[in-house]
Amino acid sequence: MKLATNSPKFVRFFSPLIEALKELGGSGRPSEVRDFIAKRLNVSEEERTELLKGGAPRFDNQVAWARFYLVKAALMDSSKRGVWSLNDQGRAIKLLSLNDALFLYKKVQSESQGGRDSTEELSQDDEILEENIAPNNTTVIDDSSYRKKLLETLISLPPAGFERLCQRLLRESGFEKVTVTGRSGDGGIDGHGILQVNPFLSFKVLFQCKRYVGSVSSPQVRDFRGAMMGRADKGIIITTGTFTPDAQKEAVRDGASPLELVHGEKLLDMFENLELGLIPRKTFDVDIHFFKEFQS
């Protein structure tokens, strides 16, 4: 069965997302969930790297929207630690058909619109929704706006400025003696630092900064690894974009030095956790489910 043309495409991920979390033991990191869904549905690398106008991967965003609606439907918990998890109601679901998923979506939409159930209104919202970035924190409807602005700000920085910002980020994350080299012809190495794990153990780390809108490829990961061979214990690639599935596999390839990959969404999470360049504020969203028992 196929979705109606005016239905959001992310609805097809409702059931696979629930299945993925069940297979992962009830919870999982977003990247684990996306990889599971992509493998189960045979999603091509081309589809996984297709970008929205804003630069975010369309596939990742659709899975995030599916998670957003499952939280609003009270089938998943809203985590603040970057872990997606099912609640008791979600774990109890045996099978969620496409019709069930579409009904669930429209139910949440109707509740968020104060009980209005207009097919025309929903279809108009669908067209806009597909191109918007899914909120990271499902308890706040509009929190995606500052993440979008933050990402745009990072991408707008000059290369040298972005390198200095990554230097600051590494320092804030516990690295010492972080130096930006910025030398051309150095295999893309933009700087180095020391990570002191404990009084007895430390690692020299080389890093590369990429202000990308698109995806970093596997050849670029190989080139960076080649440039750092014999010069450091660890390598980090930081990008405002994404990494192709092949690039992710290359980073942890057997027999090669593993590399840490920091993609755009993870980069934004780090700025949030460190409250770096962000002014925290608190807001609320009305929990419609809480008030349902008082409506009669």
Protein backbone atom coordinates (compact mmCIF):
# COMPACT_ATOMS: atom_id res chain seq x y z
CA MET A 1 0.00 0.00 0.00
CA LYS A 2 1.19 3.52 -0.87
CA LEU A 3 0.64 6.81 0.89
CA ALA A 4 -1.78 9.32 -0.57
CA THR A 5 -0.02 12.02 -2.57
CA ASN A 6 -0.98 14.72 -0.07
CA SER A 7 0.37 12.77 2.91
CA PRO A 8 3.82 13.51 4.40
CA LYS A 9 6.39 10.92 3.34
CA PHE A 10 7.80 10.58 6.85
CA VAL A 11 4.65 8.73 7.96
CA ARG A 12 6.07 5.61 6.27
CA PHE A 13 8.82 5.59 8.91
CA PHE A 14 6.49 5.32 11.92
CA SER A 15 6.42 1.52 11.97
CA PRO A 16 10.10 0.97 10.98
CA LEU A 17 11.15 3.40 13.73
CA ILE A 18 9.23 1.47 16.36
CA GLU A 19 10.64 -1.79 14.98
CA ALA A 20 14.18 -0.38 15.06
CA LEU A 21 13.91 0.64 18.71
CA LYS A 22 12.51 -2.76 19.64
CA GLU A 23 15.42 -4.49 17.89
CA LEU A 24 17.88 -2.15 19.62
CA GLY A 25 16.50 -3.09 23.04
CA GLY A 26 13.95 -0.32 23.46
CA SER A 27 16.26 2.65 22.91
CA GLY A 28 18.96 3.86 20.56
CA ARG A 29 20.97 6.79 19.31
CA PRO A 30 19.42 8.60 16.31
CA SER A 31 22.24 7.43 14.03
CA GLU A 32 21.68 3.79 15.08
CA VAL A 33 17.97 4.09 14.37
CA ARG A 34 18.53 5.71 10.97
CA ASP A 35 21.06 3.04 9.97
CA PHE A 36 18.66 0.28 11.00
CA ILE A 37 15.78 1.80 9.00
CA ALA A 38 17.96 2.43 5.95
CA LYS A 39 19.17 -1.16 5.96
CA ARG A 40 15.71 -2.64 6.58
CA LEU A 41 14.09 -0.56 3.81
CA ASN A 42 17.06 -0.77 1.42
CA VAL A 43 17.42 3.01 1.29
CA SER A 44 20.08 3.92 -1.28
CA GLU A 45 23.10 6.09 -0.49
CA GLU A 46 21.77 8.61 -3.01
CA GLU A 47 18.52 8.90 -1.06
CA ARG A 48 20.35 9.11 2.26
CA THR A 49 22.51 12.00 1.07
CA GLU A 50 19.77 14.00 -0.69
CA LEU A 51 19.57 17.43 0.94
CA LEU A 52 16.79 19.84 1.78
CA LYS A 53 17.11 23.46 0.69
CA GLY A 54 18.44 24.26 4.16
CA GLY A 55 21.26 21.71 3.77
CA ALA A 56 20.00 18.96 6.11
CA PRO A 57 19.72 15.37 4.80
CA ARG A 58 16.12 14.75 3.75
CA PHE A 59 16.13 11.11 4.97
CA ASP A 60 17.46 12.02 8.42
CA ASN A 61 14.92 14.81 8.70
CA GLN A 62 12.01 12.54 7.75
CA VAL A 63 13.02 10.00 10.38
CA ALA A 64 13.28 12.83 12.92
CA TRP A 65 9.76 14.01 12.01
CA ALA A 66 8.49 10.44 12.47
CA ARG A 67 10.05 10.38 15.94
CA PHE A 68 8.53 13.80 16.73
CA TYR A 69 5.00 12.57 15.95
CA LEU A 70 5.46 9.28 17.80
CA VAL A 71 6.44 11.28 20.90
CA LYS A 72 3.39 13.49 20.48
CA ALA A 73 1.26 10.34 20.09
CA ALA A 74 2.63 9.14 23.47
CA LEU A 75 4.40 6.11 21.98
CA MET A 76 7.94 7.35 22.61
CA ASP A 77 9.61 9.23 25.44
CA SER A 78 11.04 12.70 24.92
CA SER A 79 14.71 12.43 25.84
CA LYS A 80 17.00 15.37 26.50
CA ARG A 81 20.16 13.27 26.22
CA GLY A 82 20.10 12.41 22.53
CA VAL A 83 18.65 8.92 23.05
CA TRP A 84 15.38 7.84 21.44
CA SER A 85 13.29 5.35 23.42
CA LEU A 86 9.91 3.62 23.40
CA ASN A 87 7.56 3.88 26.35
CA ASP A 88 5.21 1.11 27.53
CA GLN A 89 2.56 1.98 24.94
CA GLY A 90 5.10 1.95 22.12
CA ARG A 91 6.55 -1.39 23.20
CA ALA A 92 3.04 -2.88 23.28
CA ILE A 93 2.42 -2.19 19.58
CA LYS A 94 2.68 -5.38 17.52
CA LEU A 95 2.03 -3.95 14.07
CA LEU A 96 1.42 -0.42 12.79
CA SER A 97 0.00 -0.45 9.27
CA LEU A 98 0.34 2.47 6.89
CA ASN A 99 -3.33 3.29 7.47
CA ASP A 100 -2.75 3.23 11.24
CA ALA A 101 0.30 5.49 10.85
CA LEU A 102 -1.65 7.98 8.73
CA PHE A 103 -4.51 7.99 11.24
CA LEU A 104 -2.02 8.59 14.07
CA TYR A 105 -0.45 11.49 12.19
CA LYS A 106 -3.81 13.17 11.51
CA LYS A 107 -4.89 12.63 15.12
CA VAL A 108 -1.81 14.43 16.43
CA GLN A 109 -2.27 17.20 13.85
CA SER A 110 -5.90 17.61 14.84
CA GLU A 111 -5.04 17.81 18.54
CA SER A 112 -2.28 20.34 17.95
CA GLN A 113 -4.76 22.51 16.03
CA GLY A 114 -7.22 22.56 18.89
CA GLY A 115 -9.44 19.76 17.63
CA ARG A 116 -9.99 21.08 14.09
CA ASP A 117 -10.06 18.21 11.60
CA SER A 118 -9.84 19.80 8.18
CA THR A 119 -8.36 17.60 5.43
CA GLU A 120 -7.60 20.67 3.35
CA GLU A 121 -5.81 22.38 6.24
CA LEU A 122 -3.78 19.27 7.00
CA SER A 123 -2.70 18.81 3.39
CA GLN A 124 -1.52 22.41 3.23
CA ASP A 125 0.51 21.89 6.39
CA ASP A 126 2.00 18.68 4.94
CA GLU A 127 3.62 20.52 2.04
CA ILE A 128 5.33 22.96 4.42
CA LEU A 129 6.19 20.31 7.01
CA GLU A 130 8.21 18.13 4.61
CA GLU A 131 10.71 20.94 4.01
CA ASN A 132 11.05 22.12 7.62
CA ILE A 133 13.74 20.87 10.00
CA ALA A 134 12.25 18.54 12.62
CA PRO A 135 12.50 19.88 16.18
CA ASN A 136 15.25 18.22 18.21
CA ASN A 137 13.47 18.68 21.53
CA THR A 138 9.93 17.38 21.13
CA THR A 139 8.65 19.24 24.17
CA VAL A 140 9.09 22.57 22.40
CA ILE A 141 7.36 23.01 19.04
CA ASP A 142 9.51 25.79 17.64
CA ASP A 143 12.96 24.98 19.00
CA SER A 144 14.27 24.13 15.53
CA SER A 145 14.44 27.83 14.65
CA TYR A 146 17.53 28.56 16.74
CA ARG A 147 19.29 25.40 15.53
CA LYS A 148 18.69 26.48 11.94
CA LYS A 149 20.01 29.95 12.72
CA LEU A 150 23.03 28.49 14.53
CA LEU A 151 23.86 26.23 11.58
CA GLU A 152 23.50 29.13 9.14
CA THR A 153 25.81 31.21 11.34
CA LEU A 154 28.46 28.46 11.37
CA ILE A 155 28.31 28.04 7.60
CA SER A 156 28.60 31.81 7.06
CA LEU A 157 31.89 32.03 8.97
CA PRO A 158 35.12 32.46 6.97
CA PRO A 159 37.37 29.36 6.89
CA ALA A 160 39.85 30.80 9.41
CA GLY A 161 37.03 31.85 11.72
CA PHE A 162 35.43 28.41 11.63
CA GLU A 163 38.80 26.83 12.45
CA ARG A 164 39.22 29.12 15.48
CA LEU A 165 35.67 28.29 16.57
CA CYS A 166 36.46 24.55 16.38
CA GLN A 167 39.56 25.28 18.44
CA ARG A 168 37.38 26.91 21.10
CA LEU A 169 34.92 24.02 20.96
CA LEU A 170 37.70 21.48 21.53
CA ARG A 171 39.06 23.50 24.44
CA GLU A 172 35.61 23.71 26.00
CA SER A 173 35.35 19.92 25.56
CA GLY A 174 38.48 19.25 27.60
CA PHE A 175 41.30 19.34 25.04
CA GLU A 176 44.58 21.06 25.90
CA LYS A 177 47.24 22.82 23.84
CA VAL A 178 44.83 23.16 20.91
CA THR A 179 46.57 24.86 18.01
CA VAL A 180 45.18 25.87 14.62
CA THR A 181 47.76 25.40 11.88
CA GLY A 182 45.68 26.33 8.83
CA ARG A 183 48.51 25.30 6.54
CA SER A 184 47.59 24.53 2.95
CA GLY A 185 49.01 21.39 1.38
CA ASP A 186 49.03 19.58 4.72
CA GLY A 187 46.50 16.91 3.80
CA GLY A 188 43.62 18.94 5.14
CA ILE A 189 44.94 19.01 8.71
CA ASP A 190 43.71 22.23 10.33
CA GLY A 191 45.07 21.80 13.85
CA HIS A 192 46.14 19.58 16.70
CA GLY A 193 45.64 19.21 20.43
CA ILE A 194 46.09 16.95 23.43
CA LEU A 195 43.32 15.02 25.16
CA GLN A 196 44.35 14.20 28.73
CA VAL A 197 42.26 11.15 29.64
CA ASN A 198 43.77 10.77 33.13
CA PRO A 199 47.09 11.59 34.85
CA PHE A 200 48.74 8.59 33.14
CA LEU A 201 47.17 8.65 29.69
CA SER A 202 46.92 11.30 26.97
CA PHE A 203 46.38 11.33 23.21
CA LYS A 204 47.66 13.65 20.52
CA VAL A 205 44.78 14.51 18.20
CA LEU A 206 44.72 16.03 14.74
CA PHE A 207 41.54 17.67 13.47
CA GLN A 208 40.06 18.86 10.22
CA CYS A 209 37.27 21.46 9.87
CA LYS A 210 34.88 21.45 6.91
CA ARG A 211 32.21 24.13 6.44
CA TYR A 212 30.04 21.93 4.22
CA VAL A 213 26.44 22.10 3.12
CA GLY A 214 26.74 18.68 1.47
CA SER A 215 28.33 15.39 2.52
CA VAL A 216 31.94 14.46 3.24
CA SER A 217 32.89 11.44 1.12
CA SER A 218 34.94 8.33 1.89
CA PRO A 219 37.94 9.46 -0.25
CA GLN A 220 38.16 12.62 1.87
CA VAL A 221 38.17 10.52 5.03
CA ARG A 222 40.93 8.32 3.57
CA ASP A 223 42.99 11.36 2.58
CA PHE A 224 42.79 12.76 6.10
CA ARG A 225 43.79 9.45 7.64
CA GLY A 226 46.75 9.26 5.27
CA ALA A 227 47.88 12.74 6.27
CA MET A 228 47.78 11.93 10.00
CA MET A 229 49.57 8.56 9.82
CA GLY A 230 52.50 8.49 12.24
CA ARG A 231 51.73 12.00 13.49
CA ALA A 232 48.92 11.49 16.02
CA ASP A 233 47.00 8.86 17.98
CA LYS A 234 43.58 10.06 16.93
CA GLY A 235 41.87 12.11 14.23
CA ILE A 236 38.66 14.15 14.22
CA ILE A 237 36.76 15.52 11.24
CA ILE A 238 34.28 18.27 12.12
CA THR A 239 31.75 19.38 9.52
CA THR A 240 28.60 21.48 9.34
CA GLY A 241 27.33 18.99 6.76
CA THR A 242 27.02 15.22 6.87
CA PHE A 243 29.05 12.10 6.11
CA THR A 244 28.05 9.62 3.46
CA PRO A 245 27.38 6.05 4.68
CA ASP A 246 30.61 4.96 2.93
CA ALA A 247 32.54 7.70 4.76
CA GLN A 248 31.15 6.46 8.08
CA LYS A 249 32.23 2.91 7.26
CA GLU A 250 35.67 4.13 6.19
CA ALA A 251 36.14 5.92 9.51
CA VAL A 252 35.91 2.63 11.44
CA ARG A 253 37.34 0.28 8.80
CA ASP A 254 39.13 -2.77 10.21
CA GLY A 255 42.89 -2.50 10.12
CA ALA A 256 42.90 1.30 9.89
CA SER A 257 43.17 3.95 12.59
CA PRO A 258 39.62 4.87 13.66
CA LEU A 259 38.50 8.46 13.15
CA GLU A 260 35.87 10.45 15.02
CA LEU A 261 33.28 12.06 12.75
CA VAL A 262 31.32 15.09 13.99
CA HIS A 263 28.46 15.93 11.61
CA GLY A 264 26.31 19.06 11.64
CA GLU A 265 23.59 17.80 13.98
CA LYS A 266 26.14 16.46 16.46
CA LEU A 267 28.01 19.76 16.23
CA LEU A 268 24.83 21.67 17.13
CA ASP A 269 24.26 19.27 20.05
CA MET A 270 27.75 20.06 21.34
CA PHE A 271 27.06 23.80 21.23
CA GLU A 272 23.82 23.17 23.13
CA ASN A 273 25.41 20.98 25.81
CA LEU A 274 28.20 23.48 26.36
CA GLU A 275 25.83 26.47 26.02
CA LEU A 276 28.48 27.91 23.72
CA GLY A 277 27.26 30.87 21.69
CA LEU A 278 23.72 30.21 22.91
CA ILE A 279 21.65 31.99 25.53
CA PRO A 280 19.49 29.37 27.32
CA ARG A 281 15.81 30.03 27.93
CA LYS A 282 12.89 27.96 29.22
CA THR A 283 9.49 27.60 27.60
CA PHE A 284 6.54 25.21 27.68
CA ASP A 285 4.23 23.33 25.34
CA VAL A 286 0.69 22.40 26.35
CA ASP A 287 0.28 18.66 26.98
CA ILE A 288 -3.05 18.00 25.25
CA HIS A 289 -3.16 14.39 26.50
CA PHE A 290 -3.09 15.56 30.13
CA PHE A 291 -6.30 17.58 29.72
CA LYS A 292 -8.29 14.97 27.76
CA GLU A 293 -9.73 13.34 30.89
CA PHE A 294 -11.15 16.72 31.97
CA GLN A 295 -12.97 17.41 28.70
CA SER A 296 -16.13 15.57 29.75
